[in-house]
Amino acid sequence: MLDHIGYTVRDYARSRAFFLQCLAPLGYGLVMEFPKGSIPGHGAHAGFGTPDAPAFWISEDGKPLESRLHIAFAAKDRAQVDAFHAAALAAGGVDNGPPGLRPHYHAQYYGAFIIDPDGHNIEAVCHSAP
């Protein structure tokens, strides 16, 4: 059901160091990191997990609407991502990124983003080719 989860932190460097240390005994490490500005309009991001799956993310404050919780739901295929986006808009969500490839994450990353009624950044994502 869940693909990954993330939230913003007040002091990125401090939080990054904290999670590097406390997640290590659980077998989790830093898997991906995006410096501030590498994703237009966003602060730095750090993804922790196993080598093949960054499942927990922290980030600097980015856009005002993204200053809350981020949850990404796993989709079986790209058509489900498209359907999620359409249904979320029809239900009153606010577009925060239409369905499409996000190659800066990886070549097959296909996702769509919605701001829910409480201001949370909700995503559906598919990691496989069409």
N, C-alpha and C. Protein backbone atom coordinates (compact mmCIF):
# COMPACT_ATOMS: atom_id res chain seq x y z
N MET A 1 0.81 -1.19 0.00
CA MET A 1 0.00 0.00 0.00
C MET A 1 0.86 1.27 0.00
N LEU A 2 1.74 1.41 0.97
CA LEU A 2 2.59 2.59 1.02
C LEU A 2 3.88 2.35 0.26
N ASP A 3 4.30 3.36 -0.48
CA ASP A 3 5.56 3.29 -1.20
C ASP A 3 6.64 3.99 -0.39
N HIS A 4 6.34 5.21 0.08
CA HIS A 4 7.27 5.93 0.94
C HIS A 4 6.53 7.02 1.69
N ILE A 5 7.20 7.58 2.70
CA ILE A 5 6.63 8.64 3.52
C ILE A 5 7.74 9.64 3.82
N GLY A 6 7.39 10.89 4.02
CA GLY A 6 8.39 11.90 4.33
C GLY A 6 7.77 13.11 4.99
N TYR A 7 8.62 13.92 5.57
CA TYR A 7 8.16 15.16 6.16
C TYR A 7 9.30 16.16 6.21
N THR A 8 8.95 17.41 6.41
CA THR A 8 9.97 18.46 6.47
C THR A 8 10.53 18.56 7.88
N VAL A 9 11.76 19.02 7.95
CA VAL A 9 12.45 19.18 9.22
C VAL A 9 12.95 20.62 9.35
N ARG A 10 13.16 21.05 10.59
CA ARG A 10 13.61 22.43 10.82
C ARG A 10 15.09 22.62 10.53
N ASP A 11 15.91 21.64 10.90
CA ASP A 11 17.36 21.74 10.69
C ASP A 11 17.78 20.49 9.91
N TYR A 12 17.89 20.63 8.60
CA TYR A 12 18.16 19.50 7.72
C TYR A 12 19.45 18.76 8.11
N ALA A 13 20.54 19.48 8.30
CA ALA A 13 21.82 18.85 8.60
C ALA A 13 21.74 18.06 9.91
N ARG A 14 21.12 18.65 10.92
CA ARG A 14 21.00 17.96 12.22
C ARG A 14 20.14 16.71 12.09
N SER A 15 19.01 16.83 11.40
CA SER A 15 18.11 15.67 11.24
C SER A 15 18.77 14.57 10.39
N ARG A 16 19.48 14.98 9.35
CA ARG A 16 20.18 14.00 8.51
C ARG A 16 21.17 13.20 9.35
N ALA A 17 21.96 13.89 10.17
CA ALA A 17 22.94 13.22 11.03
C ALA A 17 22.24 12.32 12.06
N PHE A 18 21.15 12.79 12.62
CA PHE A 18 20.38 12.02 13.59
C PHE A 18 19.90 10.70 12.99
N PHE A 19 19.27 10.77 11.82
CA PHE A 19 18.72 9.56 11.21
C PHE A 19 19.82 8.63 10.69
N LEU A 20 20.94 9.17 10.22
CA LEU A 20 22.06 8.32 9.83
C LEU A 20 22.50 7.45 11.01
N GLN A 21 22.57 8.06 12.18
CA GLN A 21 23.04 7.34 13.35
C GLN A 21 21.99 6.40 13.93
N CYS A 22 20.76 6.85 14.08
CA CYS A 22 19.78 6.01 14.78
C CYS A 22 19.19 4.91 13.90
N LEU A 23 19.22 5.06 12.58
CA LEU A 23 18.68 4.02 11.70
C LEU A 23 19.71 2.94 11.36
N ALA A 24 21.00 3.23 11.56
CA ALA A 24 22.06 2.27 11.23
C ALA A 24 21.90 0.93 11.95
N PRO A 25 21.59 0.91 13.25
CA PRO A 25 21.43 -0.38 13.92
C PRO A 25 20.27 -1.21 13.37
N LEU A 26 19.33 -0.58 12.68
CA LEU A 26 18.20 -1.28 12.09
C LEU A 26 18.51 -1.77 10.67
N GLY A 27 19.70 -1.43 10.19
CA GLY A 27 20.10 -1.86 8.86
C GLY A 27 19.69 -0.90 7.76
N TYR A 28 19.30 0.32 8.14
CA TYR A 28 18.89 1.33 7.15
C TYR A 28 19.95 2.41 7.05
N GLY A 29 20.15 2.90 5.83
CA GLY A 29 21.13 3.95 5.62
C GLY A 29 20.62 4.98 4.63
N LEU A 30 21.46 5.94 4.32
CA LEU A 30 21.14 6.97 3.34
C LEU A 30 21.22 6.34 1.95
N VAL A 31 20.11 6.37 1.21
CA VAL A 31 20.04 5.72 -0.10
C VAL A 31 20.13 6.74 -1.23
N MET A 32 19.44 7.86 -1.08
CA MET A 32 19.45 8.91 -2.09
C MET A 32 19.45 10.26 -1.39
N GLU A 33 20.09 11.24 -2.05
CA GLU A 33 20.06 12.60 -1.51
C GLU A 33 20.04 13.58 -2.67
N PHE A 34 19.20 14.60 -2.54
CA PHE A 34 19.10 15.66 -3.52
C PHE A 34 19.47 16.97 -2.85
N PRO A 35 20.54 17.63 -3.30
CA PRO A 35 20.92 18.92 -2.71
C PRO A 35 19.85 19.98 -2.95
N LYS A 36 19.86 20.99 -2.14
CA LYS A 36 18.94 22.11 -2.30
C LYS A 36 19.06 22.67 -3.71
N GLY A 37 17.91 22.86 -4.37
CA GLY A 37 17.87 23.42 -5.71
C GLY A 37 18.02 22.40 -6.83
N SER A 38 18.39 21.17 -6.51
CA SER A 38 18.52 20.18 -7.59
C SER A 38 17.17 19.77 -8.15
N ILE A 39 16.13 19.92 -7.36
CA ILE A 39 14.75 19.77 -7.82
C ILE A 39 14.16 21.17 -7.73
N PRO A 40 13.86 21.82 -8.85
CA PRO A 40 13.42 23.22 -8.84
C PRO A 40 12.32 23.50 -7.81
N GLY A 41 12.55 24.53 -7.01
CA GLY A 41 11.59 24.96 -6.01
C GLY A 41 11.59 24.15 -4.73
N HIS A 42 12.56 23.26 -4.57
CA HIS A 42 12.60 22.41 -3.39
C HIS A 42 13.91 22.55 -2.65
N GLY A 43 13.86 22.29 -1.35
CA GLY A 43 15.06 22.23 -0.55
C GLY A 43 15.71 20.87 -0.69
N ALA A 44 16.72 20.63 0.12
CA ALA A 44 17.43 19.34 0.10
C ALA A 44 16.51 18.22 0.59
N HIS A 45 16.74 17.02 0.07
CA HIS A 45 15.99 15.83 0.46
C HIS A 45 16.97 14.70 0.74
N ALA A 46 16.69 13.90 1.76
CA ALA A 46 17.47 12.70 2.06
C ALA A 46 16.51 11.53 2.21
N GLY A 47 16.80 10.45 1.48
CA GLY A 47 15.97 9.25 1.53
C GLY A 47 16.72 8.11 2.19
N PHE A 48 16.13 7.53 3.22
CA PHE A 48 16.74 6.45 3.99
C PHE A 48 15.99 5.15 3.73
N GLY A 49 16.69 4.03 3.85
CA GLY A 49 16.06 2.73 3.68
C GLY A 49 17.11 1.69 3.36
N THR A 50 16.71 0.71 2.54
CA THR A 50 17.63 -0.32 2.06
C THR A 50 18.17 0.14 0.71
N PRO A 51 19.27 -0.44 0.23
CA PRO A 51 19.87 0.04 -1.01
C PRO A 51 18.92 0.16 -2.21
N ASP A 52 17.91 -0.67 -2.25
CA ASP A 52 17.01 -0.62 -3.40
C ASP A 52 15.74 0.18 -3.16
N ALA A 53 15.54 0.70 -1.94
CA ALA A 53 14.26 1.36 -1.66
C ALA A 53 14.35 2.43 -0.59
N PRO A 54 14.52 3.71 -0.99
CA PRO A 54 14.43 4.77 0.01
C PRO A 54 12.95 4.95 0.39
N ALA A 55 12.59 4.56 1.60
CA ALA A 55 11.18 4.57 2.00
C ALA A 55 10.84 5.66 3.00
N PHE A 56 11.86 6.27 3.61
CA PHE A 56 11.63 7.33 4.59
C PHE A 56 12.46 8.54 4.17
N TRP A 57 11.78 9.68 4.00
CA TRP A 57 12.43 10.89 3.50
C TRP A 57 12.29 12.04 4.48
N ILE A 58 13.36 12.84 4.57
CA ILE A 58 13.27 14.13 5.25
C ILE A 58 13.63 15.20 4.23
N SER A 59 13.12 16.41 4.45
CA SER A 59 13.44 17.49 3.51
C SER A 59 13.42 18.83 4.22
N GLU A 60 14.16 19.76 3.62
CA GLU A 60 14.09 21.15 4.06
C GLU A 60 12.73 21.69 3.66
N ASP A 61 12.32 22.76 4.29
CA ASP A 61 11.07 23.40 3.89
C ASP A 61 11.15 23.76 2.42
N GLY A 62 10.12 23.41 1.69
CA GLY A 62 10.05 23.72 0.27
C GLY A 62 8.91 24.69 0.03
N LYS A 63 8.06 24.36 -0.89
CA LYS A 63 6.89 25.17 -1.18
C LYS A 63 6.00 25.18 0.06
N PRO A 64 5.28 26.29 0.30
CA PRO A 64 4.43 26.35 1.50
C PRO A 64 3.46 25.19 1.63
N LEU A 65 2.89 24.70 0.53
CA LEU A 65 1.93 23.61 0.61
C LEU A 65 2.58 22.29 0.96
N GLU A 66 3.90 22.20 0.83
CA GLU A 66 4.59 20.95 1.10
C GLU A 66 5.22 20.91 2.49
N SER A 67 4.81 21.82 3.35
CA SER A 67 5.44 21.89 4.66
C SER A 67 4.78 20.96 5.67
N ARG A 68 3.98 20.01 5.18
CA ARG A 68 3.36 19.03 6.05
C ARG A 68 3.80 17.64 5.65
N LEU A 69 3.02 16.67 6.02
CA LEU A 69 3.33 15.27 5.75
C LEU A 69 3.25 14.93 4.26
N HIS A 70 4.12 14.03 3.82
CA HIS A 70 4.09 13.50 2.45
C HIS A 70 3.93 11.99 2.52
N ILE A 71 2.91 11.47 1.85
CA ILE A 71 2.68 10.04 1.78
C ILE A 71 2.53 9.66 0.32
N ALA A 72 3.23 8.60 -0.10
CA ALA A 72 3.12 8.10 -1.47
C ALA A 72 2.54 6.70 -1.43
N PHE A 73 1.44 6.53 -2.17
CA PHE A 73 0.80 5.23 -2.29
C PHE A 73 1.33 4.51 -3.52
N ALA A 74 1.56 3.21 -3.39
CA ALA A 74 2.06 2.40 -4.50
C ALA A 74 0.93 2.12 -5.48
N ALA A 75 1.21 2.32 -6.78
CA ALA A 75 0.25 2.01 -7.85
C ALA A 75 0.80 0.84 -8.66
N LYS A 76 -0.09 -0.01 -9.16
CA LYS A 76 0.33 -1.17 -9.96
C LYS A 76 0.86 -0.76 -11.32
N ASP A 77 0.28 0.31 -11.89
CA ASP A 77 0.69 0.74 -13.22
C ASP A 77 0.40 2.23 -13.37
N ARG A 78 0.81 2.78 -14.49
CA ARG A 78 0.66 4.22 -14.74
C ARG A 78 -0.80 4.62 -14.86
N ALA A 79 -1.64 3.72 -15.37
CA ALA A 79 -3.07 4.03 -15.48
C ALA A 79 -3.67 4.26 -14.10
N GLN A 80 -3.22 3.53 -13.09
CA GLN A 80 -3.71 3.75 -11.73
C GLN A 80 -3.27 5.12 -11.21
N VAL A 81 -2.06 5.53 -11.55
CA VAL A 81 -1.59 6.86 -11.14
C VAL A 81 -2.49 7.94 -11.77
N ASP A 82 -2.77 7.79 -13.05
CA ASP A 82 -3.64 8.73 -13.74
C ASP A 82 -5.04 8.77 -13.10
N ALA A 83 -5.58 7.58 -12.80
CA ALA A 83 -6.91 7.49 -12.20
C ALA A 83 -6.93 8.10 -10.80
N PHE A 84 -5.87 7.87 -10.02
CA PHE A 84 -5.76 8.48 -8.70
C PHE A 84 -5.83 9.99 -8.80
N HIS A 85 -5.05 10.56 -9.71
CA HIS A 85 -4.99 12.01 -9.86
C HIS A 85 -6.35 12.58 -10.22
N ALA A 86 -7.02 11.96 -11.19
CA ALA A 86 -8.35 12.43 -11.61
C ALA A 86 -9.36 12.32 -10.46
N ALA A 87 -9.33 11.20 -9.74
CA ALA A 87 -10.28 11.01 -8.64
C ALA A 87 -10.01 11.98 -7.50
N ALA A 88 -8.73 12.23 -7.22
CA ALA A 88 -8.39 13.16 -6.14
C ALA A 88 -8.82 14.58 -6.48
N LEU A 89 -8.64 15.00 -7.72
CA LEU A 89 -9.11 16.32 -8.14
C LEU A 89 -10.63 16.41 -8.02
N ALA A 90 -11.34 15.37 -8.47
CA ALA A 90 -12.79 15.35 -8.40
C ALA A 90 -13.29 15.38 -6.96
N ALA A 91 -12.48 14.84 -6.04
CA ALA A 91 -12.86 14.81 -4.63
C ALA A 91 -12.51 16.11 -3.90
N GLY A 92 -11.92 17.08 -4.61
CA GLY A 92 -11.60 18.36 -4.00
C GLY A 92 -10.14 18.59 -3.72
N GLY A 93 -9.27 17.67 -4.13
CA GLY A 93 -7.84 17.87 -3.95
C GLY A 93 -7.31 18.96 -4.87
N VAL A 94 -6.15 19.48 -4.54
CA VAL A 94 -5.51 20.53 -5.34
C VAL A 94 -4.29 19.93 -6.02
N ASP A 95 -4.18 20.13 -7.32
CA ASP A 95 -3.06 19.58 -8.08
C ASP A 95 -1.74 20.11 -7.52
N ASN A 96 -0.80 19.18 -7.31
CA ASN A 96 0.54 19.55 -6.87
C ASN A 96 1.59 18.90 -7.76
N GLY A 97 1.17 18.46 -8.95
CA GLY A 97 2.06 17.83 -9.91
C GLY A 97 1.29 16.78 -10.67
N PRO A 98 0.99 17.03 -11.95
CA PRO A 98 0.17 16.10 -12.73
C PRO A 98 0.90 14.78 -12.99
N PRO A 99 0.17 13.76 -13.40
CA PRO A 99 0.81 12.48 -13.71
C PRO A 99 1.91 12.65 -14.75
N GLY A 100 3.03 11.98 -14.51
CA GLY A 100 4.13 12.05 -15.46
C GLY A 100 5.40 11.45 -14.90
N LEU A 101 6.36 11.29 -15.79
CA LEU A 101 7.67 10.78 -15.39
C LEU A 101 8.42 11.82 -14.57
N ARG A 102 9.14 11.36 -13.59
CA ARG A 102 10.01 12.19 -12.76
C ARG A 102 11.41 11.57 -12.84
N PRO A 103 12.11 11.76 -13.99
CA PRO A 103 13.40 11.09 -14.20
C PRO A 103 14.48 11.52 -13.23
N HIS A 104 14.31 12.65 -12.54
CA HIS A 104 15.32 13.04 -11.56
C HIS A 104 15.31 12.10 -10.36
N TYR A 105 14.23 11.31 -10.17
CA TYR A 105 14.20 10.28 -9.13
C TYR A 105 14.78 8.98 -9.69
N HIS A 106 14.23 8.49 -10.79
CA HIS A 106 14.81 7.41 -11.58
C HIS A 106 14.03 7.31 -12.89
N ALA A 107 14.57 6.60 -13.86
CA ALA A 107 14.05 6.62 -15.23
C ALA A 107 12.59 6.21 -15.36
N GLN A 108 12.11 5.31 -14.53
CA GLN A 108 10.73 4.83 -14.66
C GLN A 108 9.78 5.39 -13.60
N TYR A 109 10.22 6.38 -12.83
CA TYR A 109 9.39 6.94 -11.75
C TYR A 109 8.24 7.73 -12.37
N TYR A 110 7.03 7.24 -12.22
CA TYR A 110 5.84 7.88 -12.77
C TYR A 110 4.91 8.18 -11.60
N GLY A 111 4.70 9.45 -11.33
CA GLY A 111 3.90 9.82 -10.17
C GLY A 111 2.99 11.00 -10.43
N ALA A 112 2.08 11.21 -9.49
CA ALA A 112 1.17 12.35 -9.50
C ALA A 112 1.00 12.80 -8.05
N PHE A 113 0.88 14.11 -7.86
CA PHE A 113 0.82 14.69 -6.52
C PHE A 113 -0.43 15.54 -6.34
N ILE A 114 -1.02 15.44 -5.16
CA ILE A 114 -2.23 16.19 -4.80
C ILE A 114 -2.04 16.76 -3.40
N ILE A 115 -2.55 17.94 -3.17
CA ILE A 115 -2.65 18.47 -1.81
C ILE A 115 -4.04 18.10 -1.30
N ASP A 116 -4.08 17.37 -0.19
CA ASP A 116 -5.38 16.93 0.33
C ASP A 116 -6.06 18.07 1.10
N PRO A 117 -7.29 17.89 1.58
CA PRO A 117 -8.01 18.97 2.25
C PRO A 117 -7.31 19.54 3.48
N ASP A 118 -6.38 18.79 4.08
CA ASP A 118 -5.66 19.29 5.25
C ASP A 118 -4.28 19.83 4.91
N GLY A 119 -3.95 19.91 3.62
CA GLY A 119 -2.68 20.48 3.21
C GLY A 119 -1.53 19.50 3.08
N HIS A 120 -1.81 18.19 3.19
CA HIS A 120 -0.76 17.19 3.06
C HIS A 120 -0.50 16.86 1.59
N ASN A 121 0.74 16.56 1.27
CA ASN A 121 1.16 16.23 -0.09
C ASN A 121 1.00 14.72 -0.29
N ILE A 122 -0.02 14.32 -1.05
CA ILE A 122 -0.34 12.92 -1.27
C ILE A 122 0.04 12.55 -2.70
N GLU A 123 0.68 11.40 -2.85
CA GLU A 123 1.20 10.98 -4.15
C GLU A 123 0.76 9.55 -4.46
N ALA A 124 0.62 9.24 -5.72
CA ALA A 124 0.55 7.86 -6.19
C ALA A 124 1.73 7.69 -7.13
N VAL A 125 2.41 6.54 -7.04
CA VAL A 125 3.62 6.33 -7.82
C VAL A 125 3.71 4.89 -8.33
N CYS A 126 4.21 4.77 -9.56
CA CYS A 126 4.50 3.49 -10.18
C CYS A 126 5.98 3.52 -10.59
N HIS A 127 6.69 2.45 -10.30
CA HIS A 127 8.13 2.41 -10.58
C HIS A 127 8.49 1.57 -11.80
N SER A 128 7.50 1.00 -12.47
CA SER A 128 7.80 0.10 -13.60
C SER A 128 7.47 0.74 -14.94
N ALA A 129 8.05 0.19 -15.98
CA ALA A 129 7.81 0.67 -17.35
C ALA A 129 6.38 0.35 -17.76
N PRO A 130 5.85 1.11 -18.73
CA PRO A 130 4.46 0.85 -19.16
C PRO A 130 4.28 -0.51 -19.79
